[in-house]
Amino acid sequence: MDRLKRRKLTDKIFKYIFLGFIFIGILVLFVLLFDVFRDGIKMIDMDFFTRFDSRFPKRAGIKAGLFGTIYVIGLMIPITFVVGTASAIYLEEYAPKNWITEIIRLNIANLAGVPSIIYGMLGLGVLVRTLSLGRSVLAGALTLSLLVLPVVIVSAQEALRSVPSSLRKASYGMGANHWQTVSKVVLPAALPSIITGFILAISRAIGETAPLIMMGALTFVMFTPESIMDSFTVLPIQIFNWTSLPKADFHLVAAAASSVLLVLLFILNGIATFIRYKYEVKF
């Protein structure tokens, strides 16, 4: 009995220690968010969304960065979703089970942990220079696609793997072939989890600065892109540029842009959570 009591006491101690760490983390995050929103709210008005960058803090706006973010992410979404989902379906449903496939899966998992600046160097060397895409919206979208593709593929694989084999066997028993089973049974069942992982990957891409700076995205822009081959800037780069300027008022502008970016990320994460709990299939 004494041994059992000691175990229960140890479990309680570690439980409260871990809860304390979680509370500290949440508290620090809340303080940081409060500080950003408190400074940023002073600079946010309707004109803040319609003005371009300026040398004067009170005239600076996020129009170029906001439009550039929309262009880059809007182009990245279909590329990443189609390529990532198709790759996951092939690896899980069609690829032969041998050592080559295992090496490919292992490398994809390892790529998910590669620092983002490496993808920026890859985008600069291959997309900007070798393929002559320049510092364009297309090059930026492809660079971010390369960045999040491993995450999308791994999460999609896990979603497909979580579908019970009984559903596949039932489909085969009804006379369906392999493709019909995958497209009509497996993929719809796994789609909510695939979309959740995909949205979370987009959230990471929206906040990335290093790859786009490395490939040469602009910092001071007085125009919005009109085609996928135009130059661009994005919100994280504008924020990075403003925080490096000596004037204190520019830090308030950076806080305002950070607030907008955080709200956008919260919305995306909220959508991912909603999809997860609303449409997730319970097996």
Protein backbone atom coordinates (compact mmCIF):
# COMPACT_ATOMS: atom_id res chain seq x y z
CA MET A 1 0.00 0.00 0.00
CA ASP A 2 2.81 2.42 0.81
CA ARG A 3 4.31 1.81 -2.60
CA LEU A 4 0.95 2.49 -4.27
CA LYS A 5 0.51 5.71 -2.29
CA ARG A 6 3.98 6.88 -3.28
CA ARG A 7 3.16 6.28 -6.93
CA LYS A 8 -0.09 8.22 -6.68
CA LEU A 9 1.69 11.05 -4.88
CA THR A 10 4.42 11.11 -7.56
CA ASP A 11 1.78 11.21 -10.30
CA LYS A 12 0.06 14.17 -8.62
CA ILE A 13 3.35 16.04 -8.15
CA PHE A 14 4.33 15.66 -11.80
CA LYS A 15 0.79 16.50 -12.90
CA TYR A 16 0.89 19.83 -11.07
CA ILE A 17 4.45 20.54 -12.23
CA PHE A 18 3.43 20.07 -15.87
CA LEU A 19 0.27 22.14 -15.34
CA GLY A 20 2.48 24.86 -13.87
CA PHE A 21 4.74 24.83 -16.93
CA ILE A 22 1.68 25.03 -19.21
CA PHE A 23 0.31 27.95 -17.18
CA ILE A 24 3.65 29.79 -17.35
CA GLY A 25 3.83 29.28 -21.12
CA ILE A 26 0.26 30.53 -21.62
CA LEU A 27 0.90 33.50 -19.32
CA VAL A 28 4.06 34.54 -21.19
CA LEU A 29 2.23 34.17 -24.53
CA PHE A 30 -0.68 36.27 -23.22
CA VAL A 31 1.68 39.01 -22.00
CA LEU A 32 3.46 39.12 -25.37
CA LEU A 33 0.18 39.22 -27.32
CA PHE A 34 -1.20 41.90 -25.01
CA ASP A 35 1.93 44.01 -25.50
CA VAL A 36 1.72 43.69 -29.30
CA PHE A 37 -2.00 44.47 -29.50
CA ARG A 38 -1.71 47.35 -27.01
CA ASP A 39 0.95 49.06 -29.14
CA GLY A 40 -0.54 48.09 -32.49
CA ILE A 41 -4.09 49.23 -31.89
CA LYS A 42 -2.92 52.85 -31.79
CA MET A 43 -1.94 52.76 -35.47
CA ILE A 44 -4.76 50.67 -36.94
CA ASP A 45 -7.52 52.39 -38.89
CA MET A 46 -9.13 51.85 -42.28
CA ASP A 47 -6.44 53.88 -44.03
CA PHE A 48 -3.79 51.57 -42.57
CA PHE A 49 -5.04 48.84 -44.93
CA THR A 50 -5.14 51.10 -48.01
CA ARG A 51 -1.84 53.00 -47.67
CA PHE A 52 1.52 51.91 -49.04
CA ASP A 53 4.73 52.00 -47.02
CA SER A 54 6.20 55.38 -46.24
CA ARG A 55 9.24 57.02 -44.71
CA PHE A 56 6.92 58.65 -42.20
CA PRO A 57 5.42 56.25 -39.62
CA LYS A 58 2.01 57.92 -39.47
CA ARG A 59 1.63 57.54 -43.26
CA ALA A 60 2.82 53.94 -43.48
CA GLY A 61 0.37 51.19 -44.40
CA ILE A 62 0.28 47.51 -45.24
CA LYS A 63 -1.45 47.56 -48.63
CA ALA A 64 1.56 46.20 -50.55
CA GLY A 65 2.35 43.54 -47.93
CA LEU A 66 -1.27 42.49 -47.56
CA PHE A 67 -1.84 42.14 -51.30
CA GLY A 68 1.51 40.38 -51.72
CA THR A 69 0.62 37.91 -48.96
CA ILE A 70 -2.76 37.22 -50.57
CA TYR A 71 -1.15 36.69 -53.99
CA VAL A 72 1.63 34.41 -52.73
CA ILE A 73 -0.54 32.33 -50.40
CA GLY A 74 -3.40 32.21 -52.92
CA LEU A 75 -1.03 30.74 -55.51
CA MET A 76 0.66 28.46 -53.01
CA ILE A 77 -2.58 26.85 -51.78
CA PRO A 78 -3.61 24.93 -54.94
CA ILE A 79 -0.02 23.94 -55.73
CA THR A 80 0.64 22.59 -52.26
CA PHE A 81 -2.72 20.90 -51.77
CA VAL A 82 -2.73 19.08 -55.12
CA VAL A 83 0.93 17.99 -55.02
CA GLY A 84 0.92 17.15 -51.30
CA THR A 85 -2.32 15.16 -51.31
CA ALA A 86 -1.44 13.33 -54.54
CA SER A 87 1.99 12.41 -53.17
CA ALA A 88 0.47 11.10 -49.94
CA ILE A 89 -2.11 9.03 -51.83
CA TYR A 90 0.58 7.49 -54.01
CA LEU A 91 2.89 6.68 -51.09
CA GLU A 92 0.12 5.16 -48.97
CA GLU A 93 -2.08 3.48 -51.55
CA TYR A 94 -0.01 2.71 -54.62
CA ALA A 95 3.73 2.72 -53.87
CA PRO A 96 5.25 -0.76 -53.43
CA LYS A 97 6.31 -1.64 -49.90
CA ASN A 98 10.08 -1.87 -50.28
CA TRP A 99 13.24 -0.20 -49.00
CA ILE A 100 13.15 2.52 -51.68
CA THR A 101 9.70 3.64 -50.55
CA GLU A 102 10.81 3.60 -46.92
CA ILE A 103 13.82 5.80 -47.77
CA ILE A 104 11.53 8.26 -49.57
CA ARG A 105 9.17 8.41 -46.59
CA LEU A 106 12.06 8.87 -44.17
CA ASN A 107 13.51 11.70 -46.25
CA ILE A 108 10.14 13.45 -46.50
CA ALA A 109 9.79 13.28 -42.71
CA ASN A 110 13.33 14.65 -42.30
CA LEU A 111 12.62 17.51 -44.72
CA ALA A 112 9.84 18.70 -42.41
CA GLY A 113 12.53 19.64 -39.87
CA VAL A 114 14.91 21.45 -42.25
CA PRO A 115 15.38 25.17 -41.34
CA SER A 116 13.29 27.46 -43.52
CA ILE A 117 16.29 29.50 -44.67
CA ILE A 118 17.57 26.42 -46.52
CA TYR A 119 14.42 26.49 -48.65
CA GLY A 120 15.10 30.16 -49.30
CA MET A 121 18.56 29.28 -50.62
CA LEU A 122 17.01 26.54 -52.75
CA GLY A 123 14.45 28.99 -54.13
CA LEU A 124 17.16 31.52 -54.91
CA GLY A 125 19.44 29.01 -56.62
CA VAL A 126 16.87 26.97 -58.55
CA LEU A 127 13.77 29.10 -59.07
CA VAL A 128 15.15 32.63 -59.22
CA ARG A 129 18.42 31.98 -61.07
CA THR A 130 18.33 28.59 -62.82
CA LEU A 131 14.70 28.73 -63.97
CA SER A 132 14.86 32.52 -64.45
CA LEU A 133 11.61 33.17 -62.59
CA GLY A 134 13.13 36.22 -60.94
CA ARG A 135 11.97 37.61 -57.61
CA SER A 136 8.36 37.08 -58.60
CA VAL A 137 5.15 36.02 -56.90
CA LEU A 138 5.45 32.62 -58.63
CA ALA A 139 8.97 32.06 -57.28
CA GLY A 140 7.82 33.05 -53.77
CA ALA A 141 4.79 30.75 -53.92
CA LEU A 142 6.88 27.80 -55.12
CA THR A 143 9.48 28.44 -52.42
CA LEU A 144 6.83 28.41 -49.69
CA SER A 145 5.26 25.33 -51.28
CA LEU A 146 8.58 23.51 -50.99
CA LEU A 147 8.76 24.62 -47.36
CA VAL A 148 5.39 23.20 -46.28
CA LEU A 149 5.07 20.25 -48.67
CA PRO A 150 6.81 17.78 -46.32
CA VAL A 151 4.43 18.74 -43.50
CA VAL A 152 1.39 18.43 -45.78
CA ILE A 153 2.51 15.05 -47.14
CA VAL A 154 3.26 13.59 -43.70
CA SER A 155 -0.05 14.80 -42.21
CA ALA A 156 -1.98 13.53 -45.24
CA GLN A 157 -0.26 10.15 -44.96
CA GLU A 158 -1.24 9.90 -41.31
CA ALA A 159 -4.83 10.82 -42.18
CA LEU A 160 -5.01 8.15 -44.89
CA ARG A 161 -3.38 5.60 -42.61
CA SER A 162 -5.97 6.26 -39.90
CA VAL A 163 -8.85 5.08 -42.13
CA PRO A 164 -9.77 1.53 -40.98
CA SER A 165 -8.99 -1.30 -43.36
CA SER A 166 -12.55 -2.56 -42.83
CA LEU A 167 -13.83 0.31 -44.97
CA ARG A 168 -11.49 -0.68 -47.77
CA LYS A 169 -12.52 -4.34 -47.52
CA ALA A 170 -16.21 -3.38 -47.55
CA SER A 171 -15.66 -1.32 -50.69
CA TYR A 172 -13.83 -4.17 -52.41
CA GLY A 173 -16.61 -6.50 -51.32
CA MET A 174 -19.12 -4.27 -53.12
CA GLY A 175 -17.12 -4.70 -56.35
CA ALA A 176 -15.22 -1.41 -56.36
CA ASN A 177 -11.71 -1.32 -57.82
CA HIS A 178 -8.69 0.23 -56.10
CA TRP A 179 -9.12 3.77 -57.46
CA GLN A 180 -12.84 3.80 -56.69
CA THR A 181 -12.10 2.69 -53.14
CA VAL A 182 -9.47 5.38 -52.67
CA SER A 183 -11.47 8.21 -54.26
CA LYS A 184 -14.94 7.34 -52.94
CA VAL A 185 -14.21 5.81 -49.53
CA VAL A 186 -10.71 6.43 -48.18
CA LEU A 187 -10.16 10.03 -49.32
CA PRO A 188 -13.54 11.41 -48.12
CA ALA A 189 -13.01 9.77 -44.72
CA ALA A 190 -9.50 11.23 -44.39
CA LEU A 191 -10.26 14.64 -45.95
CA PRO A 192 -11.11 16.56 -42.71
CA SER A 193 -7.76 15.58 -41.16
CA ILE A 194 -5.93 16.35 -44.42
CA ILE A 195 -7.51 19.82 -44.59
CA THR A 196 -6.71 20.49 -40.93
CA GLY A 197 -3.03 19.69 -41.43
CA PHE A 198 -3.02 21.70 -44.65
CA ILE A 199 -4.46 24.82 -42.99
CA LEU A 200 -1.93 24.61 -40.17
CA ALA A 201 0.84 24.35 -42.78
CA ILE A 202 -0.52 27.48 -44.50
CA SER A 203 -0.41 29.27 -41.13
CA ARG A 204 3.28 28.47 -40.91
CA ALA A 205 3.90 29.70 -44.45
CA ILE A 206 2.12 33.02 -43.85
CA GLY A 207 4.45 33.86 -40.98
CA GLU A 208 7.70 32.88 -42.73
CA THR A 209 10.22 35.62 -43.49
CA ALA A 210 13.63 33.97 -43.94
CA PRO A 211 12.94 32.06 -47.21
CA LEU A 212 11.46 35.10 -48.96
CA ILE A 213 14.21 37.43 -47.78
CA MET A 214 16.81 34.90 -48.91
CA MET A 215 15.30 34.68 -52.39
CA GLY A 216 15.24 38.47 -52.66
CA ALA A 217 11.70 39.64 -51.96
CA LEU A 218 11.50 43.43 -51.70
CA THR A 219 11.26 45.35 -48.43
CA PHE A 220 10.04 48.79 -49.57
CA VAL A 221 7.25 48.46 -52.14
CA MET A 222 4.90 51.16 -53.45
CA PHE A 223 2.79 48.93 -55.70
CA THR A 224 0.71 45.77 -55.65
CA PRO A 225 1.46 42.78 -57.92
CA GLU A 226 -0.77 42.48 -60.97
CA SER A 227 0.51 39.13 -62.25
CA ILE A 228 2.37 36.12 -60.90
CA MET A 229 5.60 37.37 -62.48
CA ASP A 230 5.61 40.74 -60.67
CA SER A 231 7.83 41.59 -57.73
CA PHE A 232 6.22 41.60 -54.30
CA THR A 233 6.55 41.95 -50.58
CA VAL A 234 4.63 40.25 -47.75
CA LEU A 235 3.53 41.26 -44.27
CA PRO A 236 6.32 39.46 -42.35
CA ILE A 237 8.97 41.21 -44.45
CA GLN A 238 7.36 44.61 -43.88
CA ILE A 239 7.26 43.91 -40.15
CA PHE A 240 10.92 42.85 -40.19
CA ASN A 241 11.84 46.04 -42.08
CA TRP A 242 9.96 48.34 -39.69
CA THR A 243 11.46 46.76 -36.57
CA SER A 244 14.96 47.40 -37.94
CA LEU A 245 14.36 51.15 -38.38
CA PRO A 246 15.59 53.51 -35.64
CA LYS A 247 12.41 55.59 -35.23
CA ALA A 248 10.31 54.37 -32.31
CA ASP A 249 7.05 55.11 -34.13
CA PHE A 250 7.96 52.50 -36.76
CA HIS A 251 7.91 49.91 -33.98
CA LEU A 252 4.28 50.86 -33.36
CA VAL A 253 3.57 50.37 -37.07
CA ALA A 254 5.28 46.97 -36.89
CA ALA A 255 3.12 46.09 -33.88
CA ALA A 256 -0.01 47.09 -35.82
CA ALA A 257 0.99 44.91 -38.79
CA SER A 258 1.84 42.08 -36.38
CA SER A 259 -1.63 42.39 -34.87
CA VAL A 260 -3.22 42.04 -38.30
CA LEU A 261 -1.03 39.01 -39.05
CA LEU A 262 -1.84 37.41 -35.70
CA VAL A 263 -5.57 37.87 -36.22
CA LEU A 264 -5.23 36.22 -39.63
CA LEU A 265 -3.35 33.30 -38.09
CA PHE A 266 -5.91 32.94 -35.30
CA ILE A 267 -8.69 32.82 -37.89
CA LEU A 268 -6.92 30.12 -39.90
CA ASN A 269 -6.20 28.04 -36.80
CA GLY A 270 -9.80 28.48 -35.69
CA ILE A 271 -11.02 27.23 -39.07
CA ALA A 272 -8.69 24.22 -38.79
CA THR A 273 -10.01 23.42 -35.31
CA PHE A 274 -13.62 23.80 -36.46
CA ILE A 275 -13.10 21.48 -39.42
CA ARG A 276 -11.34 18.97 -37.18
CA TYR A 277 -14.17 18.70 -34.68
CA LYS A 278 -17.11 19.31 -37.02
CA TYR A 279 -16.30 16.91 -39.85
CA GLU A 280 -13.90 14.40 -38.31
CA VAL A 281 -15.16 10.87 -38.81
CA LYS A 282 -15.15 8.76 -35.65
CA PHE A 283 -14.09 5.19 -36.37
